[in-house]
């Protein structure tokens, strides 16, 4: 389980270009952080995370989309 602040910090680390979105490339470039995201969202891969939670289908995950995924997995304090 993680707090919203911890999740925001993790998101910021993954968002290398600071555009407010985490792309599939960002996830693959940070395998350790990607594994943590997968654990917190109960997904098995970055692709599965995008398929399930990329609500606007732009090929990336915003903080709000990530937060919803973690909440759905019941891993947000």
Protein backbone atom coordinates (compact mmCIF):
# COMPACT_ATOMS: atom_id res chain seq x y z
CA UNK A 1 0.00 0.00 0.00
CA UNK A 2 1.08 3.51 -0.71
CA UNK A 3 -0.02 7.01 0.13
CA UNK A 4 -1.07 9.53 -2.49
CA UNK A 5 2.10 11.52 -1.80
CA UNK A 6 4.29 8.44 -2.34
CA UNK A 7 2.38 7.64 -5.52
CA UNK A 8 2.89 11.20 -6.79
CA UNK A 9 6.61 10.95 -6.07
CA UNK A 10 6.83 7.65 -7.96
CA UNK A 11 4.87 9.11 -10.86
CA UNK A 12 7.19 12.12 -11.01
CA UNK A 13 10.24 9.82 -11.15
CA UNK A 14 8.70 7.87 -14.04
CA UNK A 15 7.67 11.04 -15.91
CA UNK A 16 11.15 11.76 -17.22
CA UNK A 17 10.18 14.58 -19.57
CA UNK A 18 7.81 16.11 -17.00
CA UNK A 19 4.87 16.30 -19.43
CA UNK A 20 2.38 15.01 -16.86
CA UNK A 21 2.13 11.61 -18.53
CA UNK A 22 3.96 8.32 -18.21
CA UNK A 23 4.37 6.60 -21.56
CA UNK A 24 5.07 2.95 -22.25
CA UNK A 25 8.66 3.99 -22.98
CA UNK A 26 8.95 5.66 -19.57
CA UNK A 27 7.75 2.44 -17.95
CA UNK A 28 10.22 0.27 -19.87
CA UNK A 29 13.13 2.62 -19.16
CA UNK A 30 12.54 2.21 -15.40
CA UNK A 31 11.96 -1.53 -14.85
CA UNK A 32 12.23 -1.33 -11.07
CA UNK A 33 9.70 1.48 -10.80
CA UNK A 34 7.52 -0.21 -13.41
CA UNK A 35 7.49 -3.39 -11.29
CA UNK A 36 6.37 -1.33 -8.29
CA UNK A 37 3.57 0.23 -10.34
CA UNK A 38 2.49 -3.22 -11.52
CA UNK A 39 2.39 -4.48 -7.93
CA UNK A 40 0.38 -1.48 -6.72
CA UNK A 41 -2.13 -1.75 -9.59
CA UNK A 42 -2.34 -5.55 -9.70
CA UNK A 43 -1.28 -5.58 -13.36
CA UNK A 44 1.33 -7.87 -14.85
CA UNK A 45 2.94 -5.52 -17.38
CA UNK A 46 3.09 -1.93 -18.58
CA UNK A 47 0.98 -2.95 -21.57
CA UNK A 48 -1.76 -4.31 -19.31
CA UNK A 49 -1.69 -1.11 -17.26
CA UNK A 50 -2.23 0.95 -20.42
CA UNK A 51 -4.95 -1.31 -21.79
CA UNK A 52 -6.91 -1.24 -18.55
CA UNK A 53 -6.39 2.32 -17.30
CA UNK A 54 -5.50 4.63 -20.20
CA UNK A 55 -9.00 6.10 -20.23
CA UNK A 56 -8.36 8.65 -22.99
CA UNK A 57 -6.45 6.08 -25.11
CA UNK A 58 -3.52 8.42 -25.76
CA UNK A 59 -0.89 5.75 -25.08
CA UNK A 60 0.17 7.12 -21.71
CA UNK A 61 -0.98 7.23 -18.10
CA UNK A 62 -1.69 10.47 -16.25
CA UNK A 63 -1.39 10.72 -12.48
CA UNK A 64 -5.18 10.62 -12.15
CA UNK A 65 -5.39 7.44 -14.26
CA UNK A 66 -2.64 5.85 -12.16
CA UNK A 67 -4.36 6.91 -8.95
CA UNK A 68 -7.62 5.30 -10.12
CA UNK A 69 -5.75 2.07 -10.92
CA UNK A 70 -4.16 1.96 -7.45
CA UNK A 71 -7.49 2.80 -5.79
CA UNK A 72 -9.21 0.03 -7.74
CA UNK A 73 -6.55 -2.40 -6.53
CA UNK A 74 -7.27 -1.15 -2.99
CA UNK A 75 -3.61 -0.20 -2.48
CA UNK A 76 -3.97 3.51 -1.75
CA UNK A 77 -3.93 4.77 1.84
